[in-house]
Amino acid sequence: MANAVANAAHLAERKALSVVLDAAIKNVNKDRAANMIKIVDLVQKFNGDTWSPTAYDNLRNVFRDPNSKYMQFTNKILDNIDPKILKTQLLNLGFEAGFSGFKQVQKNSKKYGVSIPWVILIDPTSACNMHCTGCWAAEYGHTKSLTYEQLDSVITQGEELGIHAWVMTGGEPTTRKADVFKLCEKHNTSYFMIFTNGTLIDDQFAEDMLRVGNLIPSISVEGFAETNDSRRGDGCFDKVMHAMDILREHHLPIATSICYTSVNYKTVTSDEFLQMLIDKGVYFTWYFHYMPVGNEASTALLLNPEQREYMYHRVREIRGYKTGLPIFAIDFQNDGEMVHGCIAGGKYYCHINPNGDVEPCVFIHYSQANIKEKSLIECLQQPLFKAYQAGQPFNDNYLRPCPMLENPDKLRGIIKETGAPSTDMASPESVEHLTAKCDEYAKDWAPVADKLWDAGHMDLDSWKKDKKSASASV
């Protein structure tokens, strides 16, 4: 009875929000700033103290200034993205995942005595039409897939726990696009993102995105044609650009996924590269630090401390309220300070590989539980995840968040304590072999990270002056 009442209240709340969003989107062109502020007021009403009052005030100030960078960014979204997509994203990612689901996740975390993640990354298949250097999925082999029924079961169990944000990785998830859209259609209150190489996106794919409304692609690109194709294969860049053109023409949102290395880090953060993405219709980009995962992984692509410090400041410059360009950027590694260090191991997210193994992270291929053998909650209660959560944060300096890359002794200790086996399906890698590739990197990065942390993270204006001086002296 209690569940029925709660479900009815939830549906009523979603319906009320839906009606308000319909009105706001319909009238947004009449007085855009005023209507955007109304939406912020509405979000604050529903979210309560989930965010600080300052966060809402900052958003209101953005919309009060018609010339602000992020007001222009908002205008571009409103002018170019299909209204149905906007509404569904706000309802599913904002209300279901960010507000209602997050509260349910917190409640269930207390109930089950283990953290329930806010988002789960899941691989429908290990199959891929490419083999990119430094891709964790390239180490899996191409012979494993989860059935539609297995994927559906996991998502259903997750939604019952409050998880309404799902990211599909691989392999290449678009090789299973029929099942992906079937899942989006069935689980129409959840939000889905796919990390894709983009080469299989066509007009029908775009039409299906418009139909379901709750899927967004994050397309991998590593620089301009020569740089990108040197890692991802000849002709890949042109196919990616074509995919973006298709999505933009259908008024669909586009995100990008960018692995930065010692070779491409300046290219993929340059104004020229970012402007190209913006012109193609990209609104959001993930930056991922190269990880030396796999027995054959090279350490040559790891950044040195100076290069990583550049990334730290440059991404903050890109997304600053007044600096950079109208695109929102997140650096998965260097933004650890925003989320209090490592978020893996079920703390906020985890990863399910195409064999069904529930891993702490897409870069950490060890597990003691499989969704083919156990329920999702049982998998989340595995000793490996409990040890992970007991150790978090792995460093008081959140600029050194990862138990592998910046704190390799921590991962060695966790795997030794729990005995979790390698889940690499092609070539199992011992934790000693994996972490040995990170020891020198961690040692070299530590003093730089500590300097930034102790100094209050060197302010952006000072860094820009130093960068300008360095450029003038070259």
Protein backbone atom coordinates (compact mmCIF):
# COMPACT_ATOMS: atom_id res chain seq x y z
CA MET A 1 0.00 0.00 0.00
CA ALA A 2 2.78 2.41 0.96
CA ASN A 3 4.58 1.74 -2.35
CA ALA A 4 1.39 2.36 -4.33
CA VAL A 5 0.87 5.70 -2.60
CA ALA A 6 4.49 6.69 -3.17
CA ASN A 7 4.31 5.72 -6.86
CA ALA A 8 1.10 7.70 -7.32
CA ALA A 9 2.67 10.75 -5.68
CA HIS A 10 5.73 10.39 -7.88
CA LEU A 11 3.66 10.20 -11.06
CA ALA A 12 1.64 13.22 -10.01
CA GLU A 13 4.82 15.18 -9.35
CA ARG A 14 6.28 14.22 -12.74
CA LYS A 15 3.04 15.17 -14.46
CA ALA A 16 2.96 18.55 -12.75
CA LEU A 17 6.54 19.23 -13.79
CA SER A 18 5.75 18.08 -17.34
CA VAL A 19 2.89 20.56 -17.63
CA VAL A 20 5.03 23.44 -16.38
CA LEU A 21 7.87 22.53 -18.75
CA ASP A 22 5.43 22.41 -21.68
CA ALA A 23 4.32 25.94 -20.90
CA ALA A 24 7.86 27.20 -20.34
CA ILE A 25 9.20 25.70 -23.57
CA LYS A 26 6.18 26.93 -25.54
CA ASN A 27 6.60 30.50 -24.31
CA VAL A 28 10.38 30.61 -23.98
CA ASN A 29 10.83 32.79 -27.07
CA LYS A 30 8.46 35.49 -25.72
CA ASP A 31 10.72 36.43 -22.84
CA ARG A 32 13.54 33.92 -22.81
CA ALA A 33 15.42 35.22 -19.79
CA ALA A 34 12.31 35.43 -17.63
CA ASN A 35 11.17 31.95 -18.60
CA MET A 36 14.59 30.44 -17.97
CA ILE A 37 14.58 32.00 -14.49
CA LYS A 38 11.12 30.45 -13.94
CA ILE A 39 12.58 27.05 -14.82
CA VAL A 40 15.40 27.61 -12.31
CA ASP A 41 12.80 28.53 -9.67
CA LEU A 42 10.90 25.35 -10.50
CA VAL A 43 14.01 23.18 -10.29
CA GLN A 44 14.89 24.70 -6.91
CA LYS A 45 11.36 23.98 -5.69
CA PHE A 46 11.63 20.32 -6.67
CA ASN A 47 15.28 19.83 -5.71
CA GLY A 48 15.14 21.59 -2.39
CA ASP A 49 18.56 21.56 -0.74
CA THR A 50 20.07 19.01 -3.16
CA TRP A 51 22.08 21.95 -4.55
CA SER A 52 23.23 24.98 -2.58
CA PRO A 53 21.19 28.21 -2.90
CA THR A 54 24.27 29.84 -4.44
CA ALA A 55 24.13 27.43 -7.40
CA TYR A 56 20.57 28.54 -8.22
CA ASP A 57 21.47 32.22 -7.78
CA ASN A 58 24.41 31.79 -10.18
CA LEU A 59 22.09 30.29 -12.79
CA ARG A 60 19.63 33.14 -12.42
CA ASN A 61 22.43 35.67 -12.86
CA VAL A 62 23.51 33.92 -16.07
CA PHE A 63 20.05 34.29 -17.54
CA ARG A 64 19.69 37.92 -16.43
CA ASP A 65 22.63 38.91 -18.62
CA PRO A 66 21.71 38.51 -22.31
CA ASN A 67 25.36 38.86 -23.32
CA SER A 68 26.74 36.26 -20.92
CA LYS A 69 28.51 33.26 -22.39
CA TYR A 70 26.11 30.74 -20.93
CA MET A 71 23.00 32.75 -21.90
CA GLN A 72 24.28 32.59 -25.47
CA PHE A 73 24.95 28.89 -24.95
CA THR A 74 21.37 28.45 -23.71
CA ASN A 75 20.01 30.40 -26.66
CA LYS A 76 21.81 28.09 -29.05
CA ILE A 77 20.31 25.04 -27.35
CA LEU A 78 16.80 26.49 -27.40
CA ASP A 79 17.13 27.59 -31.01
CA ASN A 80 18.53 24.33 -32.34
CA ILE A 81 17.41 21.35 -30.24
CA ASP A 82 14.04 19.69 -30.77
CA PRO A 83 11.64 20.74 -27.94
CA LYS A 84 10.61 17.14 -27.24
CA ILE A 85 14.25 16.24 -26.64
CA LEU A 86 14.74 19.20 -24.30
CA LYS A 87 11.68 18.31 -22.25
CA THR A 88 12.59 14.63 -22.00
CA GLN A 89 16.15 15.42 -20.97
CA LEU A 90 14.92 17.75 -18.22
CA LEU A 91 12.39 15.21 -16.97
CA ASN A 92 14.56 12.09 -17.14
CA LEU A 93 18.01 13.42 -16.30
CA GLY A 94 16.91 16.31 -14.12
CA PHE A 95 13.81 15.08 -12.30
CA GLU A 96 14.04 11.27 -12.40
CA ALA A 97 17.81 10.77 -12.11
CA GLY A 98 19.00 13.98 -10.46
CA PHE A 99 16.20 14.57 -7.99
CA SER A 100 13.72 11.75 -7.36
CA GLY A 101 16.09 8.91 -8.19
CA PHE A 102 18.96 10.41 -6.24
CA LYS A 103 16.84 10.60 -3.09
CA GLN A 104 15.76 6.98 -3.62
CA VAL A 105 19.37 5.90 -4.15
CA GLN A 106 20.40 7.54 -0.87
CA LYS A 107 17.53 5.85 0.96
CA ASN A 108 18.41 2.43 -0.45
CA SER A 109 22.08 2.91 0.33
CA LYS A 110 21.15 3.09 4.02
CA LYS A 111 18.76 0.15 3.65
CA TYR A 112 21.31 -2.19 2.07
CA GLY A 113 24.42 -0.94 3.88
CA VAL A 114 26.35 -0.23 0.69
CA SER A 115 26.47 2.72 -1.69
CA ILE A 116 24.00 2.55 -4.57
CA PRO A 117 25.44 4.31 -7.63
CA TRP A 118 23.68 7.24 -9.24
CA VAL A 119 24.68 6.09 -12.74
CA ILE A 120 25.76 2.75 -14.18
CA LEU A 121 27.93 2.26 -17.25
CA ILE A 122 27.05 -0.94 -19.09
CA ASP A 123 28.47 -2.56 -22.22
CA PRO A 124 25.90 -4.24 -24.47
CA THR A 125 28.71 -5.85 -26.47
CA SER A 126 32.47 -6.10 -26.80
CA ALA A 127 32.15 -6.07 -30.59
CA CYS A 128 33.59 -3.01 -32.30
CA ASN A 129 34.46 -2.04 -35.84
CA MET A 130 37.59 -0.27 -34.61
CA HIS A 131 40.62 -0.90 -32.35
CA CYS A 132 41.78 2.41 -30.92
CA THR A 133 45.04 2.82 -29.05
CA GLY A 134 44.44 3.27 -25.33
CA CYS A 135 40.78 2.21 -25.37
CA TRP A 136 39.94 0.03 -22.37
CA ALA A 137 37.35 -1.87 -24.43
CA ALA A 138 40.00 -2.82 -26.97
CA GLU A 139 41.43 -5.15 -24.34
CA TYR A 140 38.20 -7.16 -23.96
CA GLY A 141 38.20 -9.09 -27.21
CA HIS A 142 35.19 -9.01 -29.51
CA THR A 143 33.25 -12.12 -28.56
CA LYS A 144 31.08 -11.14 -25.61
CA SER A 145 27.60 -9.61 -25.51
CA LEU A 146 24.77 -9.23 -23.05
CA THR A 147 21.36 -10.31 -24.32
CA TYR A 148 18.48 -7.86 -24.51
CA GLU A 149 16.83 -9.73 -21.65
CA GLN A 150 19.92 -9.37 -19.46
CA LEU A 151 20.21 -5.65 -20.21
CA ASP A 152 16.50 -5.14 -19.58
CA SER A 153 16.71 -7.02 -16.28
CA VAL A 154 19.63 -4.95 -15.00
CA ILE A 155 17.98 -1.65 -15.92
CA THR A 156 14.70 -2.76 -14.34
CA GLN A 157 16.50 -3.71 -11.12
CA GLY A 158 18.41 -0.45 -11.20
CA GLU A 159 15.28 1.65 -11.60
CA GLU A 160 13.76 -0.10 -8.58
CA LEU A 161 16.80 1.06 -6.61
CA GLY A 162 16.45 4.62 -7.95
CA ILE A 163 19.01 4.49 -10.77
CA HIS A 164 17.70 6.37 -13.80
CA ALA A 165 20.95 7.34 -15.53
CA TRP A 166 22.58 4.77 -17.83
CA VAL A 167 25.64 5.06 -20.01
CA MET A 168 26.30 2.44 -22.68
CA THR A 169 29.88 1.85 -23.63
CA GLY A 170 31.57 -1.05 -25.39
CA GLY A 171 32.76 -2.26 -27.74
CA GLU A 172 30.59 -0.17 -29.98
CA PRO A 173 27.03 0.05 -28.64
CA THR A 174 25.57 1.13 -31.98
CA THR A 175 26.27 -2.38 -33.32
CA ARG A 176 23.30 -3.23 -31.05
CA LYS A 177 21.27 -0.15 -31.96
CA ALA A 178 17.96 -2.03 -32.34
CA ASP A 179 18.23 -3.28 -28.75
CA VAL A 180 19.47 0.12 -27.52
CA PHE A 181 16.40 1.89 -28.85
CA LYS A 182 14.13 -0.89 -27.60
CA LEU A 183 15.55 -0.35 -24.10
CA CYS A 184 15.15 3.43 -24.36
CA GLU A 185 11.55 2.99 -25.42
CA LYS A 186 10.67 0.58 -22.62
CA HIS A 187 12.54 2.46 -19.89
CA ASN A 188 11.15 5.82 -20.92
CA THR A 189 11.71 7.51 -17.55
CA SER A 190 15.45 6.83 -17.62
CA TYR A 191 18.19 8.82 -19.33
CA PHE A 192 20.61 7.07 -21.68
CA MET A 193 23.94 8.16 -23.10
CA ILE A 194 26.05 6.09 -25.47
CA PHE A 195 29.77 6.45 -25.94
CA THR A 196 30.17 5.75 -29.65
CA ASN A 197 32.72 6.09 -32.41
CA GLY A 198 29.91 7.62 -34.46
CA THR A 199 30.66 5.72 -37.65
CA LEU A 200 27.34 3.84 -37.65
CA ILE A 201 25.11 6.87 -37.10
CA ASP A 202 22.80 7.49 -40.05
CA ASP A 203 19.47 9.18 -40.78
CA GLN A 204 17.47 6.28 -39.37
CA PHE A 205 19.48 6.45 -36.15
CA ALA A 206 18.65 10.14 -35.86
CA GLU A 207 14.94 9.46 -36.50
CA ASP A 208 14.97 6.82 -33.77
CA MET A 209 16.59 9.30 -31.38
CA LEU A 210 13.79 11.76 -32.06
CA ARG A 211 11.21 9.02 -31.50
CA VAL A 212 12.45 7.85 -28.08
CA GLY A 213 13.70 11.24 -26.87
CA ASN A 214 15.85 9.94 -24.00
CA LEU A 215 19.15 9.07 -25.72
CA ILE A 216 22.17 11.27 -26.40
CA PRO A 217 25.35 10.18 -28.18
CA SER A 218 28.81 11.09 -26.93
CA ILE A 219 31.01 10.72 -29.99
CA SER A 220 34.70 9.90 -29.69
CA VAL A 221 37.10 12.24 -31.45
CA GLU A 222 40.77 12.80 -30.63
CA GLY A 223 41.73 15.88 -32.66
CA PHE A 224 41.74 16.95 -36.28
CA ALA A 225 41.88 14.37 -39.05
CA GLU A 226 45.58 13.45 -38.90
CA THR A 227 45.76 13.19 -35.11
CA ASN A 228 42.39 11.48 -34.74
CA ASP A 229 42.95 8.92 -37.49
CA SER A 230 46.45 8.05 -36.27
CA ARG A 231 44.80 6.58 -33.17
CA ARG A 232 41.38 5.62 -34.48
CA GLY A 233 42.03 4.58 -38.09
CA ASP A 234 42.05 6.16 -41.56
CA GLY A 235 38.80 7.81 -42.57
CA CYS A 236 37.34 7.86 -39.05
CA PHE A 237 37.43 11.66 -38.74
CA ASP A 238 35.38 12.21 -41.89
CA LYS A 239 32.79 9.65 -40.74
CA VAL A 240 32.51 11.38 -37.38
CA MET A 241 32.02 14.78 -39.00
CA HIS A 242 29.30 13.27 -41.22
CA ALA A 243 27.55 11.76 -38.18
CA MET A 244 27.56 15.16 -36.46
CA ASP A 245 26.07 16.77 -39.56
CA ILE A 246 23.23 14.24 -39.54
CA LEU A 247 22.46 14.79 -35.87
CA ARG A 248 22.61 18.57 -36.18
CA GLU A 249 20.28 18.54 -39.19
CA HIS A 250 17.77 16.55 -37.13
CA HIS A 251 17.98 19.10 -34.27
CA LEU A 252 19.53 16.60 -31.88
CA PRO A 253 22.03 17.23 -29.05
CA ILE A 254 25.62 16.05 -29.48
CA ALA A 255 28.31 15.39 -26.90
CA THR A 256 31.89 14.30 -27.47
CA SER A 257 34.24 11.97 -25.63
CA ILE A 258 37.90 12.91 -25.88
CA CYS A 259 40.84 10.89 -24.60
CA TYR A 260 43.71 13.28 -24.04
CA THR A 261 47.30 12.07 -24.18
CA SER A 262 50.81 13.47 -24.11
CA VAL A 263 50.52 13.80 -27.89
CA ASN A 264 47.13 15.48 -28.42
CA TYR A 265 46.33 17.36 -25.20
CA LYS A 266 46.91 20.85 -26.62
CA THR A 267 45.14 20.13 -29.90
CA VAL A 268 41.93 18.85 -28.28
CA THR A 269 41.72 21.87 -25.98
CA SER A 270 42.60 24.50 -28.58
CA ASP A 271 40.13 27.21 -29.55
CA GLU A 272 40.32 26.03 -33.17
CA PHE A 273 39.35 22.46 -32.33
CA LEU A 274 36.59 23.45 -29.91
CA GLN A 275 35.15 25.96 -32.38
CA MET A 276 35.02 23.21 -34.99
CA LEU A 277 33.01 21.05 -32.56
CA ILE A 278 30.70 23.95 -31.71
CA ASP A 279 30.08 24.61 -35.41
CA LYS A 280 29.17 20.95 -35.81
CA GLY A 281 26.54 21.22 -33.07
CA VAL A 282 28.43 19.90 -30.03
CA TYR A 283 27.28 21.28 -26.67
CA PHE A 284 29.08 19.12 -24.14
CA THR A 285 32.41 17.31 -24.02
CA TRP A 286 33.98 14.75 -21.70
CA TYR A 287 37.75 14.76 -21.38
CA PHE A 288 39.30 11.47 -20.27
CA HIS A 289 42.91 11.10 -19.16
CA TYR A 290 44.69 8.29 -21.00
CA MET A 291 44.93 5.18 -18.81
CA PRO A 292 47.56 2.46 -19.40
CA VAL A 293 45.08 -0.42 -19.05
CA GLY A 294 45.92 -3.83 -20.50
CA ASN A 295 49.04 -5.96 -20.71
CA GLU A 296 50.12 -4.30 -23.96
CA ALA A 297 49.24 -0.72 -23.01
CA SER A 298 51.95 1.86 -23.58
CA THR A 299 53.00 4.39 -20.95
CA ALA A 300 54.32 6.76 -23.62
CA LEU A 301 50.91 8.42 -23.94
CA LEU A 302 50.75 9.31 -20.22
CA LEU A 303 51.04 13.03 -19.58
CA ASN A 304 53.93 14.48 -17.64
CA PRO A 305 53.13 16.75 -14.66
CA GLU A 306 53.48 19.96 -16.68
CA GLN A 307 51.10 18.67 -19.34
CA ARG A 308 48.52 17.56 -16.80
CA GLU A 309 48.69 20.87 -14.97
CA TYR A 310 48.03 22.56 -18.31
CA MET A 311 44.90 20.42 -18.72
CA TYR A 312 43.76 21.25 -15.21
CA HIS A 313 43.78 24.99 -15.88
CA ARG A 314 42.79 24.89 -19.54
CA VAL A 315 39.53 22.99 -18.97
CA ARG A 316 38.57 25.48 -16.25
CA GLU A 317 39.32 28.29 -18.66
CA ILE A 318 37.15 26.68 -21.34
CA ARG A 319 34.09 26.40 -19.11
CA GLY A 320 34.55 29.63 -17.17
CA TYR A 321 31.57 31.98 -16.99
CA LYS A 322 33.39 34.61 -19.02
CA THR A 323 36.34 32.73 -20.56
CA GLY A 324 36.64 30.08 -23.21
CA LEU A 325 33.95 29.14 -25.71
CA PRO A 326 30.23 28.24 -25.47
CA ILE A 327 30.72 24.54 -24.83
CA PHE A 328 30.58 22.77 -21.47
CA ALA A 329 33.59 20.62 -20.59
CA ILE A 330 34.22 18.08 -17.84
CA ASP A 331 37.61 16.52 -17.14
CA PHE A 332 36.94 13.11 -15.60
CA GLN A 333 40.33 13.03 -13.85
CA ASN A 334 41.06 16.63 -12.91
CA ASP A 335 37.52 17.34 -11.75
CA GLY A 336 37.93 14.90 -8.89
CA GLU A 337 37.98 17.91 -6.58
CA MET A 338 34.37 18.67 -7.58
CA VAL A 339 33.10 15.26 -6.39
CA HIS A 340 35.45 14.59 -3.46
CA GLY A 341 37.82 12.23 -5.26
CA CYS A 342 37.11 8.86 -6.83
CA ILE A 343 33.43 8.20 -7.58
CA ALA A 344 33.84 4.55 -8.67
CA GLY A 345 33.20 1.29 -6.85
CA GLY A 346 29.50 2.08 -6.54
CA LYS A 347 30.00 5.35 -4.69
CA TYR A 348 28.34 7.23 -7.55
CA TYR A 349 28.96 4.88 -10.46
CA CYS A 350 30.21 1.46 -11.53
CA HIS A 351 30.71 -0.50 -14.73
CA ILE A 352 29.25 -3.72 -16.11
CA ASN A 353 31.32 -5.30 -18.84
CA PRO A 354 29.88 -7.28 -21.79
CA ASN A 355 30.47 -10.52 -19.92
CA GLY A 356 28.26 -9.31 -17.07
CA ASP A 357 31.08 -8.69 -14.58
CA VAL A 358 30.30 -5.76 -12.29
CA GLU A 359 33.52 -3.74 -12.05
CA PRO A 360 34.29 -0.70 -9.91
CA CYS A 361 35.33 1.41 -12.91
CA VAL A 362 35.64 1.25 -16.68
CA PHE A 363 39.41 1.39 -16.16
CA ILE A 364 39.63 -1.13 -13.30
CA HIS A 365 38.99 -4.63 -14.66
CA TYR A 366 38.51 -6.72 -11.52
CA SER A 367 35.28 -8.12 -10.08
CA GLN A 368 33.77 -10.69 -7.75
CA ALA A 369 30.19 -10.59 -9.03
CA ASN A 370 28.36 -11.14 -12.30
CA ILE A 371 24.80 -10.10 -13.20
CA LYS A 372 24.22 -13.50 -14.85
CA GLU A 373 24.65 -15.17 -11.47
CA LYS A 374 23.49 -12.59 -8.92
CA SER A 375 20.98 -9.77 -8.57
CA LEU A 376 22.21 -6.23 -9.13
CA ILE A 377 22.05 -5.39 -5.42
CA GLU A 378 24.07 -8.53 -4.59
CA CYS A 379 26.67 -7.47 -7.14
CA LEU A 380 26.85 -4.02 -5.56
CA GLN A 381 27.43 -5.68 -2.17
CA GLN A 382 30.52 -7.60 -3.33
CA PRO A 383 33.62 -7.32 -1.07
CA LEU A 384 35.57 -5.43 -3.75
CA PHE A 385 33.04 -2.59 -3.74
CA LYS A 386 32.90 -2.48 0.04
CA ALA A 387 36.69 -2.25 0.19
CA TYR A 388 36.62 0.50 -2.42
CA GLN A 389 34.10 2.52 -0.44
CA ALA A 390 35.98 1.98 2.82
CA GLY A 391 39.07 3.47 1.18
CA GLN A 392 37.42 6.50 -0.39
CA PRO A 393 38.67 9.11 -0.76
CA PHE A 394 41.95 7.47 -1.69
CA ASN A 395 43.80 10.70 -1.09
CA ASP A 396 42.97 13.81 0.91
CA ASN A 397 44.11 15.75 -2.15
CA TYR A 398 41.25 15.31 -4.61
CA LEU A 399 43.59 16.18 -7.47
CA ARG A 400 45.01 12.71 -6.83
CA PRO A 401 41.71 10.78 -6.86
CA CYS A 402 42.33 7.41 -8.51
CA PRO A 403 43.49 4.26 -6.67
CA MET A 404 45.28 3.17 -9.84
CA LEU A 405 46.76 6.22 -11.57
CA GLU A 406 47.67 8.46 -8.63
CA ASN A 407 47.62 5.99 -5.72
CA PRO A 408 48.68 2.61 -7.15
CA ASP A 409 49.49 1.19 -3.72
CA LYS A 410 45.81 1.60 -2.81
CA LEU A 411 44.58 -0.56 -5.69
CA ARG A 412 47.25 -3.17 -5.00
CA GLY A 413 46.05 -3.30 -1.40
CA ILE A 414 42.36 -3.60 -2.33
CA ILE A 415 42.89 -6.43 -4.79
CA LYS A 416 45.18 -8.25 -2.36
CA GLU A 417 42.64 -7.83 0.45
CA THR A 418 39.62 -9.02 -1.56
CA GLY A 419 41.28 -11.43 -3.97
CA ALA A 420 39.22 -10.04 -6.84
CA PRO A 421 40.30 -11.66 -10.14
CA SER A 422 40.99 -9.87 -13.41
CA THR A 423 37.98 -9.63 -15.70
CA ASP A 424 39.94 -8.82 -18.84
CA MET A 425 38.49 -11.28 -21.33
CA ALA A 426 41.38 -11.24 -23.78
CA SER A 427 44.49 -11.11 -21.59
CA PRO A 428 44.01 -11.07 -17.79
CA GLU A 429 46.28 -8.48 -16.21
CA SER A 430 47.63 -8.79 -12.69
CA VAL A 431 47.21 -5.79 -10.45
CA GLU A 432 50.99 -5.72 -9.99
CA HIS A 433 51.50 -5.36 -13.73
CA LEU A 434 48.81 -2.70 -14.06
CA THR A 435 49.88 -0.53 -11.15
CA ALA A 436 53.60 -0.81 -11.93
CA LYS A 437 52.87 1.29 -15.03
CA CYS A 438 51.51 4.03 -12.77
CA ASP A 439 54.10 4.15 -9.98
CA GLU A 440 56.43 6.66 -11.62
CA TYR A 441 53.54 8.74 -12.90
CA ALA A 442 52.00 8.94 -9.42
CA LYS A 443 55.32 9.90 -7.86
CA ASP A 444 55.92 12.69 -10.42
CA TRP A 445 52.39 14.10 -10.25
CA ALA A 446 52.14 14.16 -6.44
CA PRO A 447 54.23 17.31 -5.75
CA VAL A 448 52.49 19.26 -8.52
CA ALA A 449 49.04 18.20 -7.33
CA ASP A 450 49.96 19.04 -3.74
CA LYS A 451 51.28 22.46 -4.80
CA LEU A 452 47.99 23.22 -6.56
CA TRP A 453 45.94 21.93 -3.66
CA ASP A 454 47.89 23.76 -0.96
CA ALA A 455 47.81 26.99 -2.94
CA GLY A 456 44.05 26.81 -3.22
CA HIS A 457 44.36 25.63 -6.83
CA MET A 458 46.25 28.50 -8.45
CA ASP A 459 43.68 30.99 -9.67
CA LEU A 460 42.75 31.03 -13.34
CA ASP A 461 43.74 34.66 -13.96
CA SER A 462 47.28 34.00 -12.73
CA TRP A 463 47.56 30.92 -14.93
CA LYS A 464 46.37 32.84 -18.00
CA LYS A 465 49.02 35.50 -17.38
CA ASP A 466 51.70 32.84 -17.01
CA LYS A 467 50.53 31.14 -20.20
CA LYS A 468 50.57 34.42 -22.10
CA SER A 469 54.09 35.23 -20.84
CA ALA A 470 55.33 31.76 -21.78
CA SER A 471 53.88 32.11 -25.30
CA ALA A 472 55.49 35.52 -25.78
CA SER A 473 58.90 34.19 -24.78
CA VAL A 474 58.85 31.31 -27.30
